[in-house]
Amino acid sequence: MLRTFQDPPRVAALILNWRQPELTLQSLSDLRECGYPNLDILVMDNGSGDDSVERLRTARAEVMAFDDNLGYCAAMNLGIEWAQRRAADLVLFLNNDVRLPAGFLDPMVEVMARDSSVACVGPTMLRPDGLVWCQGGAIAFHPNMLKLRGEGGPPAPSSEGPVAVDFMPGACALYRLDEVVAVGGLDESYFMYWEDVELGWQLRDRGKTIVWLPWSRVTHLVSQSSGGGRSPVRKYMCAVNSVRYLKRHGTVRQWFAFAVFELVLWPFTWLGGTAPKAMFAKGRGLAAGLLGRRVTAADVRSAT
């Protein structure tokens, strides 16, 4: 039975830090100034091993510090447990490389409060140049099998939507806490990347809707936490986890897309500007995924 929201709904915002206290402090400041009246904020440090925890606590942040890198999924699941203890209605997943304007959260909360079928809502995410990074995500016949809707184009008019999508990237996504708990939180076998796609599948399988909201906009600095979108470690992790997802949920069309884009055309990705190191990291990841291996903290350590 769906629990009745508080008035206004209580939101628990979860920010994960890993060796980037400056970005995290800016994100914390944005949240504090966004104007939402019933907001709890938790910063989690994922075993940074630097001065991050001290700097974050100096900023009077509530910090949950881990001795080791637990991975994105395991760390966020501990944050979800914290949100439950706070009796939150909604939980905001937020990357520290997202800039948040005042008022960004209220429209997303309103959608969730009005429509109990919506389990997740996310904003238009812009690049620093003002063009779209993401307007929701789709599983598509496309390189990497994922498509960031509207990527590289102008943002959709705020008069459009909401629009149902396959998933919302975890850079900025507001979830109904009860629904996330009902599916067991984030699947920790993903460690990092594709966990948002898996969560989207789990929620849609429960008959829930995931929507993109054009009249809320944020700015995403894009993959700052992993060294950029084409970094070898990111390529490796995404490749491993794309295969993990396909093994669980892949349709004939999706496996065909995988064969075309990830196997047949993979040797030619250097023509699109992919550096050889990143290209081969992706190849290793595809092989590891097909062999049933998982991403671990050791993979991250080997790249840092």
Protein backbone atom coordinates (compact mmCIF):
# COMPACT_ATOMS: atom_id res chain seq x y z
CA MET A 1 0.00 0.00 0.00
CA LEU A 2 1.39 3.40 -1.01
CA ARG A 3 2.29 5.52 1.98
CA THR A 4 0.79 9.01 2.13
CA PHE A 5 3.36 11.75 1.70
CA GLN A 6 4.09 14.34 4.33
CA ASP A 7 3.16 17.92 3.47
CA PRO A 8 5.48 18.94 1.93
CA PRO A 9 7.00 15.54 1.06
CA ARG A 10 10.26 14.84 2.82
CA VAL A 11 13.21 14.48 0.42
CA ALA A 12 16.49 12.79 1.31
CA ALA A 13 19.30 13.91 -1.02
CA LEU A 14 22.26 11.54 -1.39
CA ILE A 15 25.61 12.80 -2.72
CA LEU A 16 28.56 10.47 -3.14
CA ASN A 17 32.07 11.90 -2.91
CA TRP A 18 35.26 10.27 -4.12
CA ARG A 19 38.34 12.49 -3.98
CA GLN A 20 36.50 15.58 -5.22
CA PRO A 21 35.56 17.66 -2.18
CA GLU A 22 35.41 20.91 -4.15
CA LEU A 23 32.69 19.58 -6.46
CA THR A 24 30.84 18.04 -3.54
CA LEU A 25 30.95 21.27 -1.52
CA GLN A 26 29.48 23.16 -4.48
CA SER A 27 26.73 20.57 -4.84
CA LEU A 28 26.01 20.80 -1.12
CA SER A 29 25.77 24.58 -1.38
CA ASP A 30 23.39 24.32 -4.35
CA LEU A 31 21.10 22.00 -2.41
CA ARG A 32 21.07 24.22 0.64
CA GLU A 33 20.10 27.19 -1.51
CA CYS A 34 17.54 25.46 -3.73
CA GLY A 35 14.66 26.59 -1.55
CA TYR A 36 12.94 23.27 -0.89
CA PRO A 37 11.52 23.35 2.68
CA ASN A 38 11.70 19.69 3.77
CA LEU A 39 15.11 18.45 2.68
CA ASP A 40 17.68 16.25 4.42
CA ILE A 41 21.15 15.93 2.88
CA LEU A 42 23.67 13.14 3.31
CA VAL A 43 27.17 13.20 1.87
CA MET A 44 28.90 9.83 1.64
CA ASP A 45 32.64 9.55 1.20
CA ASN A 46 33.58 6.39 -0.65
CA GLY A 47 37.00 5.73 0.85
CA SER A 48 38.69 8.77 -0.72
CA GLY A 49 41.78 8.49 1.46
CA ASP A 50 42.43 12.24 1.23
CA ASP A 51 41.19 15.23 3.21
CA SER A 52 37.65 15.02 1.81
CA VAL A 53 35.91 13.96 5.02
CA GLU A 54 37.51 16.71 7.10
CA ARG A 55 36.66 19.37 4.53
CA LEU A 56 33.07 18.21 4.18
CA ARG A 57 32.52 18.10 7.93
CA THR A 58 33.99 21.56 8.26
CA ALA A 59 31.15 22.67 5.99
CA ARG A 60 28.69 21.27 8.59
CA ALA A 61 27.60 18.49 6.29
CA GLU A 62 26.26 15.20 7.61
CA VAL A 63 28.90 12.78 6.35
CA MET A 64 28.88 9.00 6.21
CA ALA A 65 32.50 7.96 5.68
CA PHE A 66 33.56 4.54 4.42
CA ASP A 67 37.04 3.12 4.93
CA ASP A 68 37.13 1.59 1.44
CA ASN A 69 35.58 2.21 -1.96
CA LEU A 70 32.34 0.25 -1.69
CA GLY A 71 31.25 1.07 -5.21
CA TYR A 72 28.45 3.43 -6.19
CA CYS A 73 25.65 0.91 -5.65
CA ALA A 74 26.63 -0.35 -2.19
CA ALA A 75 27.32 3.18 -0.95
CA MET A 76 23.99 4.49 -2.24
CA ASN A 77 22.16 1.56 -0.66
CA LEU A 78 23.54 2.63 2.71
CA GLY A 79 22.26 6.10 1.91
CA ILE A 80 18.84 4.63 1.13
CA GLU A 81 18.81 3.00 4.57
CA TRP A 82 19.65 6.39 6.08
CA ALA A 83 16.73 7.92 4.15
CA GLN A 84 14.41 5.27 5.58
CA ARG A 85 15.53 6.13 9.10
CA ARG A 86 14.72 9.76 8.34
CA ALA A 87 11.20 8.72 7.28
CA ALA A 88 11.75 10.27 3.85
CA ASP A 89 9.08 10.05 1.18
CA LEU A 90 11.42 10.62 -1.74
CA VAL A 91 15.12 10.08 -2.33
CA LEU A 92 17.23 12.23 -4.65
CA PHE A 93 20.22 10.56 -6.29
CA LEU A 94 22.69 13.27 -7.17
CA ASN A 95 26.17 13.33 -8.69
CA ASN A 96 28.50 15.94 -7.27
CA ASP A 97 29.19 17.23 -10.81
CA VAL A 98 25.64 18.57 -11.27
CA ARG A 99 24.86 22.25 -10.73
CA LEU A 100 21.42 22.95 -9.32
CA PRO A 101 19.47 26.18 -9.78
CA ALA A 102 17.05 27.44 -7.17
CA GLY A 103 13.64 25.81 -7.52
CA PHE A 104 14.81 22.80 -9.52
CA LEU A 105 13.39 20.28 -7.03
CA ASP A 106 9.85 21.57 -6.44
CA PRO A 107 8.41 20.64 -9.87
CA MET A 108 9.76 17.09 -9.62
CA VAL A 109 8.30 16.65 -6.12
CA GLU A 110 4.95 17.96 -7.34
CA VAL A 111 4.79 15.35 -10.12
CA MET A 112 5.49 12.56 -7.63
CA ALA A 113 2.91 13.89 -5.17
CA ARG A 114 0.21 14.14 -7.84
CA ASP A 115 0.69 10.78 -9.58
CA SER A 116 1.26 7.64 -7.54
CA SER A 117 2.11 5.63 -10.68
CA VAL A 118 5.34 7.63 -11.13
CA ALA A 119 8.28 5.98 -9.36
CA CYS A 120 11.01 8.26 -10.70
CA VAL A 121 11.25 11.70 -12.24
CA GLY A 122 14.27 13.54 -13.61
CA PRO A 123 14.96 16.97 -15.11
CA THR A 124 16.45 18.07 -18.39
CA MET A 125 20.20 17.87 -17.85
CA LEU A 126 22.19 20.41 -19.82
CA ARG A 127 25.86 20.52 -20.70
CA PRO A 128 27.79 23.63 -19.67
CA ASP A 129 27.33 24.97 -23.24
CA GLY A 130 23.55 24.99 -22.78
CA LEU A 131 22.85 22.05 -25.09
CA VAL A 132 21.24 18.86 -23.84
CA TRP A 133 23.21 16.13 -22.13
CA CYS A 134 20.13 14.10 -21.33
CA GLN A 135 16.33 14.28 -21.42
CA GLY A 136 15.82 10.84 -19.97
CA GLY A 137 17.35 7.61 -21.24
CA ALA A 138 16.29 4.91 -23.66
CA ILE A 139 17.48 1.39 -24.42
CA ALA A 140 17.86 1.57 -28.17
CA PHE A 141 19.45 0.20 -31.35
CA HIS A 142 22.40 2.46 -30.78
CA PRO A 143 26.12 2.35 -29.90
CA ASN A 144 26.48 1.18 -26.29
CA MET A 145 22.80 0.14 -26.54
CA LEU A 146 21.79 3.26 -24.64
CA LYS A 147 20.58 6.58 -25.95
CA LEU A 148 20.53 9.81 -24.00
CA ARG A 149 17.42 11.46 -25.39
CA GLY A 150 18.00 14.82 -27.04
CA GLU A 151 21.77 14.68 -26.53
CA GLY A 152 23.61 17.55 -28.23
CA GLY A 153 20.46 19.44 -29.24
CA PRO A 154 18.60 22.41 -27.78
CA PRO A 155 16.47 21.68 -24.72
CA ALA A 156 12.82 20.85 -25.29
CA PRO A 157 10.34 23.62 -24.51
CA SER A 158 9.23 23.67 -20.91
CA SER A 159 5.64 23.40 -22.15
CA GLU A 160 6.20 19.77 -23.19
CA GLY A 161 5.90 16.65 -21.06
CA PRO A 162 6.11 14.93 -18.73
CA VAL A 163 7.45 12.18 -21.00
CA ALA A 164 7.75 8.48 -20.07
CA VAL A 165 11.29 7.13 -20.53
CA ASP A 166 13.10 3.82 -19.96
CA PHE A 167 15.33 5.16 -17.19
CA MET A 168 16.74 8.31 -15.66
CA PRO A 169 20.52 8.57 -15.35
CA GLY A 170 21.52 8.66 -11.70
CA ALA A 171 23.26 12.02 -12.10
CA CYS A 172 20.02 13.64 -10.96
CA ALA A 173 16.95 11.51 -10.36
CA LEU A 174 14.18 11.69 -7.78
CA TYR A 175 12.71 8.33 -6.69
CA ARG A 176 9.77 7.27 -4.58
CA LEU A 177 11.61 5.74 -1.64
CA ASP A 178 9.11 2.94 -1.01
CA GLU A 179 9.46 1.77 -4.62
CA VAL A 180 13.25 1.70 -4.49
CA VAL A 181 13.13 -0.29 -1.27
CA ALA A 182 10.55 -2.68 -2.76
CA VAL A 183 12.99 -3.74 -5.51
CA GLY A 184 15.87 -4.12 -3.06
CA GLY A 185 17.66 -0.85 -3.81
CA LEU A 186 20.47 -0.69 -6.34
CA ASP A 187 21.86 -3.99 -7.58
CA GLU A 188 25.34 -4.10 -6.09
CA SER A 189 26.59 -6.59 -8.69
CA TYR A 190 26.86 -3.60 -11.06
CA PHE A 191 29.24 -1.72 -8.71
CA MET A 192 28.99 1.42 -10.88
CA TYR A 193 27.30 2.20 -14.24
CA TRP A 194 24.17 0.61 -15.72
CA GLU A 195 22.68 0.33 -12.23
CA ASP A 196 20.25 3.10 -13.19
CA VAL A 197 19.17 1.14 -16.28
CA GLU A 198 18.64 -1.96 -14.13
CA LEU A 199 16.65 0.04 -11.57
CA GLY A 200 14.52 1.48 -14.37
CA TRP A 201 13.75 -2.03 -15.62
CA GLN A 202 12.85 -3.22 -12.12
CA LEU A 203 10.47 -0.32 -11.53
CA ARG A 204 8.79 -0.61 -14.93
CA ASP A 205 8.40 -4.34 -14.33
CA ARG A 206 6.34 -3.39 -11.27
CA GLY A 207 4.04 -1.37 -13.52
CA LYS A 208 5.50 1.99 -12.51
CA THR A 209 6.41 4.91 -14.76
CA ILE A 210 9.67 6.84 -15.08
CA VAL A 211 9.31 10.34 -16.46
CA TRP A 212 11.45 13.17 -17.71
CA LEU A 213 10.28 16.64 -16.75
CA PRO A 214 11.19 19.40 -19.25
CA TRP A 215 10.36 22.31 -16.97
CA SER A 216 13.05 21.45 -14.44
CA ARG A 217 16.63 21.96 -15.66
CA VAL A 218 20.07 21.35 -14.16
CA THR A 219 23.61 21.48 -15.58
CA HIS A 220 25.80 18.39 -15.68
CA LEU A 221 29.58 18.74 -15.96
CA VAL A 222 29.60 15.15 -17.33
CA SER A 223 31.66 12.25 -15.95
CA GLN A 224 33.94 14.30 -13.73
CA SER A 225 33.95 11.51 -11.16
CA SER A 226 35.52 8.97 -13.56
CA GLY A 227 37.89 11.11 -15.57
CA GLY A 228 35.58 11.89 -18.47
CA GLY A 229 33.14 9.97 -20.62
CA ARG A 230 35.86 8.22 -22.63
CA SER A 231 38.22 7.33 -19.80
CA PRO A 232 39.44 3.72 -19.94
CA VAL A 233 38.05 2.83 -16.50
CA ARG A 234 34.59 4.11 -17.44
CA LYS A 235 34.68 2.30 -20.78
CA TYR A 236 35.65 -0.93 -19.04
CA MET A 237 32.94 -0.72 -16.36
CA CYS A 238 30.20 0.22 -18.81
CA ALA A 239 31.15 -2.65 -21.12
CA VAL A 240 31.11 -5.24 -18.32
CA ASN A 241 27.77 -4.05 -17.02
CA SER A 242 26.08 -3.73 -20.40
CA VAL A 243 26.63 -7.45 -20.88
CA ARG A 244 25.36 -8.15 -17.34
CA TYR A 245 22.14 -6.30 -18.17
CA LEU A 246 21.71 -8.08 -21.50
CA LYS A 247 22.16 -11.48 -19.92
CA ARG A 248 19.27 -10.71 -17.60
CA HIS A 249 16.84 -8.75 -19.71
CA GLY A 250 18.11 -8.58 -23.28
CA THR A 251 15.63 -8.99 -26.14
CA VAL A 252 16.53 -10.42 -29.54
CA ARG A 253 16.73 -6.87 -30.92
CA GLN A 254 19.04 -5.75 -28.11
CA TRP A 255 21.36 -8.72 -28.56
CA PHE A 256 21.45 -7.96 -32.28
CA ALA A 257 22.37 -4.34 -31.51
CA PHE A 258 25.10 -5.62 -29.20
CA ALA A 259 26.49 -7.88 -31.92
CA VAL A 260 26.49 -5.06 -34.49
CA PHE A 261 27.79 -2.13 -32.45
CA GLU A 262 29.88 -3.79 -29.75
CA LEU A 263 31.42 -6.73 -31.62
CA VAL A 264 31.36 -6.15 -35.39
CA LEU A 265 31.98 -2.40 -35.31
CA TRP A 266 34.11 -2.24 -32.14
CA PRO A 267 37.46 -2.47 -34.01
CA PHE A 268 36.50 0.67 -35.97
CA THR A 269 35.65 2.86 -32.98
CA TRP A 270 39.01 4.59 -33.26
CA LEU A 271 37.65 6.26 -36.40
CA GLY A 272 35.21 8.14 -34.19
CA GLY A 273 38.02 9.54 -32.08
CA THR A 274 38.16 6.95 -29.32
CA ALA A 275 41.69 6.69 -27.93
CA PRO A 276 43.30 3.25 -28.32
CA LYS A 277 43.62 2.82 -24.54
CA ALA A 278 39.91 3.43 -24.03
CA MET A 279 39.03 1.29 -27.03
CA PHE A 280 40.93 -1.70 -25.68
CA ALA A 281 39.56 -1.14 -22.18
CA LYS A 282 36.08 -1.49 -23.65
CA GLY A 283 37.12 -4.66 -25.46
CA ARG A 284 38.42 -6.13 -22.22
CA GLY A 285 35.19 -5.17 -20.51
CA LEU A 286 33.04 -6.87 -23.14
CA ALA A 287 35.08 -10.04 -22.79
CA ALA A 288 34.90 -9.89 -19.00
CA GLY A 289 31.13 -9.42 -19.12
CA LEU A 290 30.64 -12.34 -21.47
CA LEU A 291 32.71 -14.46 -19.08
CA GLY A 292 30.44 -13.45 -16.19
CA ARG A 293 32.90 -11.25 -14.32
CA ARG A 294 31.90 -8.30 -12.17
CA VAL A 295 33.33 -4.82 -11.75
CA THR A 296 35.18 -4.45 -8.44
CA ALA A 297 37.06 -1.79 -6.50
CA ALA A 298 40.27 -3.34 -7.76
CA ASP A 299 39.34 -2.26 -11.30
CA VAL A 300 39.06 1.33 -10.11
CA ARG A 301 42.32 1.14 -8.15
CA SER A 302 44.19 -0.19 -11.18
CA ALA A 303 43.23 2.93 -13.12
CA THR A 304 44.16 5.49 -10.45
